PDB file of N, CA and C in Angstrom:
ATOM      1  N   UNK A   1       1.150  -1.453  -0.250  1.00  0.00           N
ATOM      2  CA  UNK A   1      -0.221   0.207   0.152  1.00  0.00           C
ATOM      3  C   UNK A   1       0.672   0.840   0.112  1.00  0.00           C
ATOM      4  N   UNK A   2       0.875   2.678  -1.265  1.00  0.00           N
ATOM      5  CA  UNK A   2       1.483   2.951  -0.655  1.00  0.00           C
ATOM      6  C   UNK A   2       0.893   4.274   0.260  1.00  0.00           C
ATOM      7  N   UNK A   3       1.757   4.577   0.714  1.00  0.00           N
ATOM      8  CA  UNK A   3       1.480   6.095   1.777  1.00  0.00           C
ATOM      9  C   UNK A   3       1.125   7.619   0.533  1.00  0.00           C
ATOM     10  N   UNK A   4       2.290   7.740  -0.482  1.00  0.00           N
ATOM     11  CA  UNK A   4       2.207   8.392  -1.113  1.00  0.00           C
ATOM     12  C   UNK A   4       1.288   8.451  -2.404  1.00  0.00           C
ATOM     13  N   UNK A   5       0.296   9.453  -2.520  1.00  0.00           N
ATOM     14  CA  UNK A   5      -0.034   9.775  -3.351  1.00  0.00           C
ATOM     15  C   UNK A   5       0.152   9.617  -4.776  1.00  0.00           C
ATOM     16  N   UNK A   6       0.555   8.830  -5.284  1.00  0.00           N
ATOM     17  CA  UNK A   6       1.660   8.257  -6.028  1.00  0.00           C
ATOM     18  C   UNK A   6       1.247   7.240  -7.223  1.00  0.00           C
ATOM     19  N   UNK A   7       1.343   7.367  -8.584  1.00  0.00           N
ATOM     20  CA  UNK A   7       0.805   6.100  -9.022  1.00  0.00           C
ATOM     21  C   UNK A   7       1.488   5.010  -8.719  1.00  0.00           C
ATOM     22  N   UNK A   8       1.054   3.934  -9.186  1.00  0.00           N
ATOM     23  CA  UNK A   8       1.496   2.349  -8.812  1.00  0.00           C
ATOM     24  C   UNK A   8       2.357   1.576  -9.571  1.00  0.00           C
ATOM     25  N   UNK A   9       2.366   2.344 -11.199  1.00  0.00           N
ATOM     26  CA  UNK A   9       2.896   2.025 -11.946  1.00  0.00           C
ATOM     27  C   UNK A   9       4.046   3.797 -12.194  1.00  0.00           C
ATOM     28  N   UNK A  10       3.781   4.347 -12.535  1.00  0.00           N
ATOM     29  CA  UNK A  10       4.834   5.055 -12.718  1.00  0.00           C
ATOM     30  C   UNK A  10       5.375   6.026 -11.800  1.00  0.00           C
ATOM     31  N   UNK A  11       4.450   6.131 -10.520  1.00  0.00           N
ATOM     32  CA  UNK A  11       5.520   6.733  -9.371  1.00  0.00           C
ATOM     33  C   UNK A  11       5.376   8.132  -9.304  1.00  0.00           C
ATOM     34  N   UNK A  12       4.949   8.493 -10.831  1.00  0.00           N
ATOM     35  CA  UNK A  12       4.242  10.502 -10.540  1.00  0.00           C
ATOM     36  C   UNK A  12       3.120  11.327  -9.476  1.00  0.00           C
ATOM     37  N   UNK A  13       3.703  11.995  -8.121  1.00  0.00           N
ATOM     38  CA  UNK A  13       2.727  12.013  -7.785  1.00  0.00           C
ATOM     39  C   UNK A  13       1.305  12.902  -7.695  1.00  0.00           C
ATOM     40  N   UNK A  14       0.666  13.267  -7.384  1.00  0.00           N
ATOM     41  CA  UNK A  14      -0.468  13.695  -7.418  1.00  0.00           C
ATOM     42  C   UNK A  14       0.218  15.337  -7.058  1.00  0.00           C
ATOM     43  N   UNK A  15       1.168  15.816  -7.618  1.00  0.00           N
ATOM     44  CA  UNK A  15       2.374  17.240  -7.767  1.00  0.00           C
ATOM     45  C   UNK A  15       1.850  17.306  -8.704  1.00  0.00           C
ATOM     46  N   UNK A  16       2.435  15.910  -9.604  1.00  0.00           N
ATOM     47  CA  UNK A  16       3.362  15.780 -11.140  1.00  0.00           C
ATOM     48  C   UNK A  16       2.019  15.878 -11.816  1.00  0.00           C
ATOM     49  N   UNK A  17       0.536  14.762 -11.376  1.00  0.00           N
ATOM     50  CA  UNK A  17      -0.251  14.134 -12.589  1.00  0.00           C
ATOM     51  C   UNK A  17      -1.445  14.203 -11.283  1.00  0.00           C
ATOM     52  N   UNK A  18      -2.446  13.817 -12.567  1.00  0.00           N
ATOM     53  CA  UNK A  18      -3.697  13.894 -11.134  1.00  0.00           C
ATOM     54  C   UNK A  18      -3.752  12.650 -11.080  1.00  0.00           C
ATOM     55  N   UNK A  19      -4.550  11.778  -9.582  1.00  0.00           N
ATOM     56  CA  UNK A  19      -3.921  10.503  -9.564  1.00  0.00           C
ATOM     57  C   UNK A  19      -5.610   9.996  -8.740  1.00  0.00           C
ATOM     58  N   UNK A  20      -5.973   8.673  -9.316  1.00  0.00           N
ATOM     59  CA  UNK A  20      -7.620   8.729  -8.972  1.00  0.00           C
ATOM     60  C   UNK A  20      -7.151   7.383  -7.862  1.00  0.00           C
ATOM     61  N   UNK A  21      -7.497   7.262  -6.363  1.00  0.00           N
ATOM     62  CA  UNK A  21      -6.945   6.517  -5.782  1.00  0.00           C
ATOM     63  C   UNK A  21      -8.407   5.067  -5.055  1.00  0.00           C
ATOM     64  N   UNK A  22      -8.176   3.844  -5.897  1.00  0.00           N
ATOM     65  CA  UNK A  22      -8.754   2.847  -6.101  1.00  0.00           C
ATOM     66  C   UNK A  22      -8.853   2.100  -4.764  1.00  0.00           C
ATOM     67  N   UNK A  23      -9.223   0.879  -4.117  1.00  0.00           N
ATOM     68  CA  UNK A  23      -9.339   0.355  -3.153  1.00  0.00           C
ATOM     69  C   UNK A  23      -9.803  -1.389  -3.568  1.00  0.00           C
ATOM     70  N   UNK A  24      -8.528  -2.060  -3.186  1.00  0.00           N
ATOM     71  CA  UNK A  24      -8.248  -3.985  -3.447  1.00  0.00           C
ATOM     72  C   UNK A  24      -7.676  -3.999  -2.079  1.00  0.00           C
ATOM     73  N   UNK A  25      -8.459  -4.979  -1.928  1.00  0.00           N
ATOM     74  CA  UNK A  25      -8.454  -6.637  -0.567  1.00  0.00           C
ATOM     75  C   UNK A  25      -7.476  -5.521   0.296  1.00  0.00           C
ATOM     76  N   UNK A  26      -8.520  -4.544   0.665  1.00  0.00           N
ATOM     77  CA  UNK A  26      -9.305  -3.380   1.823  1.00  0.00           C
ATOM     78  C   UNK A  26      -7.479  -2.677   1.803  1.00  0.00           C
ATOM     79  N   UNK A  27      -6.928  -1.932   0.963  1.00  0.00           N
ATOM     80  CA  UNK A  27      -5.410  -1.408   1.091  1.00  0.00           C
ATOM     81  C   UNK A  27      -5.938  -0.566  -0.062  1.00  0.00           C
ATOM     82  N   UNK A  28      -5.903   1.158   0.148  1.00  0.00           N
ATOM     83  CA  UNK A  28      -5.711   2.464  -0.802  1.00  0.00           C
ATOM     84  C   UNK A  28      -4.360   2.010  -1.648  1.00  0.00           C
ATOM     85  N   UNK A  29      -4.751   2.540  -3.003  1.00  0.00           N
ATOM     86  CA  UNK A  29      -3.894   2.066  -3.844  1.00  0.00           C
ATOM     87  C   UNK A  29      -4.060   4.081  -5.083  1.00  0.00           C
ATOM     88  N   UNK A  30      -3.585   4.206  -5.840  1.00  0.00           N
ATOM     89  CA  UNK A  30      -3.144   5.789  -6.528  1.00  0.00           C
ATOM     90  C   UNK A  30      -2.621   5.224  -7.995  1.00  0.00           C
ATOM     91  N   UNK A  31      -3.514   5.636  -8.899  1.00  0.00           N
ATOM     92  CA  UNK A  31      -2.949   5.590 -10.351  1.00  0.00           C
ATOM     93  C   UNK A  31      -3.465   6.690 -11.227  1.00  0.00           C
ATOM     94  N   UNK A  32      -2.510   6.565 -11.593  1.00  0.00           N
ATOM     95  CA  UNK A  32      -2.861   7.972 -12.908  1.00  0.00           C
ATOM     96  C   UNK A  32      -3.482   6.967 -14.352  1.00  0.00           C
ATOM     97  N   UNK A  33      -4.023   8.711 -14.841  1.00  0.00           N
ATOM     98  CA  UNK A  33      -5.233   8.620 -15.808  1.00  0.00           C
ATOM     99  C   UNK A  33      -4.308   7.551 -17.003  1.00  0.00           C
ATOM    100  N   UNK A  34      -3.282   7.619 -17.240  1.00  0.00           N
ATOM    101  CA  UNK A  34      -2.806   6.895 -18.193  1.00  0.00           C
ATOM    102  C   UNK A  34      -2.625   5.646 -18.366  1.00  0.00           C
ATOM    103  N   UNK A  35      -2.036   4.921 -16.177  1.00  0.00           N
ATOM    104  CA  UNK A  35      -2.652   3.867 -16.257  1.00  0.00           C
ATOM    105  C   UNK A  35      -3.660   3.267 -16.086  1.00  0.00           C
ATOM    106  N   UNK A  36      -4.407   3.781 -16.049  1.00  0.00           N
ATOM    107  CA  UNK A  36      -5.611   3.381 -15.624  1.00  0.00           C
ATOM    108  C   UNK A  36      -6.382   2.629 -17.404  1.00  0.00           C
ATOM    109  N   UNK A  37      -6.398   2.806 -18.100  1.00  0.00           N
ATOM    110  CA  UNK A  37      -6.321   1.409 -19.224  1.00  0.00           C
ATOM    111  C   UNK A  37      -5.009   0.244 -19.160  1.00  0.00           C
ATOM    112  N   UNK A  38      -4.389   0.243 -18.424  1.00  0.00           N
ATOM    113  CA  UNK A  38      -3.806  -0.406 -17.913  1.00  0.00           C
ATOM    114  C   UNK A  38      -4.475  -1.764 -16.850  1.00  0.00           C
ATOM    115  N   UNK A  39      -4.627  -0.998 -15.613  1.00  0.00           N
ATOM    116  CA  UNK A  39      -5.783  -1.709 -14.998  1.00  0.00           C
ATOM    117  C   UNK A  39      -6.704  -2.562 -15.055  1.00  0.00           C
ATOM    118  N   UNK A  40      -7.389  -1.920 -16.159  1.00  0.00           N
ATOM    119  CA  UNK A  40      -8.440  -2.067 -16.873  1.00  0.00           C
ATOM    120  C   UNK A  40      -8.645  -3.304 -18.131  1.00  0.00           C
ATOM    121  N   UNK A  41      -7.806  -3.464 -18.587  1.00  0.00           N
ATOM    122  CA  UNK A  41      -7.143  -4.389 -19.995  1.00  0.00           C
ATOM    123  C   UNK A  41      -6.225  -5.205 -19.335  1.00  0.00           C
ATOM    124  N   UNK A  42      -5.231  -4.573 -18.882  1.00  0.00           N
ATOM    125  CA  UNK A  42      -4.074  -5.585 -18.884  1.00  0.00           C
ATOM    126  C   UNK A  42      -3.804  -6.082 -17.375  1.00  0.00           C
ATOM    127  N   UNK A  43      -4.287  -5.778 -16.351  1.00  0.00           N
ATOM    128  CA  UNK A  43      -3.945  -6.531 -15.401  1.00  0.00           C
ATOM    129  C   UNK A  43      -2.811  -6.747 -15.187  1.00  0.00           C
ATOM    130  N   UNK A  44      -2.195  -8.151 -15.642  1.00  0.00           N
ATOM    131  CA  UNK A  44      -1.511  -9.051 -15.521  1.00  0.00           C
ATOM    132  C   UNK A  44       0.017  -7.970 -15.765  1.00  0.00           C
ATOM    133  N   UNK A  45       0.156  -6.948 -16.113  1.00  0.00           N
ATOM    134  CA  UNK A  45       1.175  -6.088 -16.383  1.00  0.00           C
ATOM    135  C   UNK A  45       1.557  -5.263 -14.804  1.00  0.00           C
ATOM    136  N   UNK A  46       0.408  -5.448 -13.954  1.00  0.00           N
ATOM    137  CA  UNK A  46       0.420  -5.101 -12.213  1.00  0.00           C
ATOM    138  C   UNK A  46       1.346  -5.500 -11.706  1.00  0.00           C
ATOM    139  N   UNK A  47       1.415  -6.964 -11.656  1.00  0.00           N
ATOM    140  CA  UNK A  47       1.733  -7.910 -11.224  1.00  0.00           C
ATOM    141  C   UNK A  47       3.908  -7.877 -10.592  1.00  0.00           C
ATOM    142  N   UNK A  48       3.536  -7.580  -8.757  1.00  0.00           N
ATOM    143  CA  UNK A  48       4.832  -6.928  -8.791  1.00  0.00           C
ATOM    144  C   UNK A  48       4.957  -5.727  -8.034  1.00  0.00           C
ATOM    145  N   UNK A  49       3.193  -5.425  -8.976  1.00  0.00           N
ATOM    146  CA  UNK A  49       2.862  -3.825  -8.225  1.00  0.00           C
ATOM    147  C   UNK A  49       1.747  -3.476  -7.336  1.00  0.00           C
ATOM    148  N   UNK A  50       0.798  -4.710  -7.347  1.00  0.00           N
ATOM    149  CA  UNK A  50      -0.430  -4.996  -7.182  1.00  0.00           C
ATOM    150  C   UNK A  50      -1.019  -6.265  -6.655  1.00  0.00           C
ATOM    151  N   UNK A  51      -0.933  -6.375  -5.507  1.00  0.00           N
ATOM    152  CA  UNK A  51      -1.179  -7.944  -5.165  1.00  0.00           C
ATOM    153  C   UNK A  51      -1.804  -8.431  -5.763  1.00  0.00           C
ATOM    154  N   UNK A  52      -2.113 -10.198  -6.032  1.00  0.00           N
ATOM    155  CA  UNK A  52      -2.401 -11.138  -7.288  1.00  0.00           C
ATOM    156  C   UNK A  52      -2.889  -9.776  -7.992  1.00  0.00           C
ATOM    157  N   UNK A  53      -2.073  -9.334  -8.506  1.00  0.00           N
ATOM    158  CA  UNK A  53      -2.400  -8.813 -10.036  1.00  0.00           C
ATOM    159  C   UNK A  53      -2.713  -9.659 -11.159  1.00  0.00           C
ATOM    160  N   UNK A  54      -2.364 -11.108 -10.936  1.00  0.00           N
ATOM    161  CA  UNK A  54      -2.049 -12.116 -11.481  1.00  0.00           C
ATOM    162  C   UNK A  54      -3.862 -13.272 -11.445  1.00  0.00           C
ATOM    163  N   UNK A  55      -4.093 -13.154 -10.686  1.00  0.00           N
ATOM    164  CA  UNK A  55      -5.315 -13.883 -10.692  1.00  0.00           C
ATOM    165  C   UNK A  55      -6.834 -12.520 -10.920  1.00  0.00           C
ATOM    166  N   UNK A  56      -6.120 -11.104 -11.480  1.00  0.00           N
ATOM    167  CA  UNK A  56      -7.404 -10.244 -12.141  1.00  0.00           C
ATOM    168  C   UNK A  56      -7.875 -10.569 -13.614  1.00  0.00           C
ATOM    169  N   UNK A  57      -8.766 -10.330 -13.720  1.00  0.00           N
ATOM    170  CA  UNK A  57      -9.087 -10.647 -14.987  1.00  0.00           C
ATOM    171  C   UNK A  57      -9.493  -9.314 -16.307  1.00  0.00           C
ATOM    172  N   UNK A  58      -8.891  -9.683 -17.174  1.00  0.00           N
ATOM    173  CA  UNK A  58      -9.238  -8.176 -17.880  1.00  0.00           C
ATOM    174  C   UNK A  58     -11.079  -8.275 -18.376  1.00  0.00           C
ATOM    175  N   UNK A  59     -10.611  -6.472 -18.442  1.00  0.00           N
ATOM    176  CA  UNK A  59     -11.855  -5.975 -18.681  1.00  0.00           C
ATOM    177  C   UNK A  59     -13.232  -5.605 -19.723  1.00  0.00           C
TER     178      UNK A  59
END
């Protein structure tokens, strides 16, 4: 879980780009608009960044 308001993929902070908070497995994460499509369409690319990302299905 990230305490900083930074995209879990590119690490850009909310000072650099807009970020959206989302909740997964009782934790909160942030993601920027550029990487929301990755979360939706290619969640396997988040393996190592998001717990159990390999178990997520494509949207």
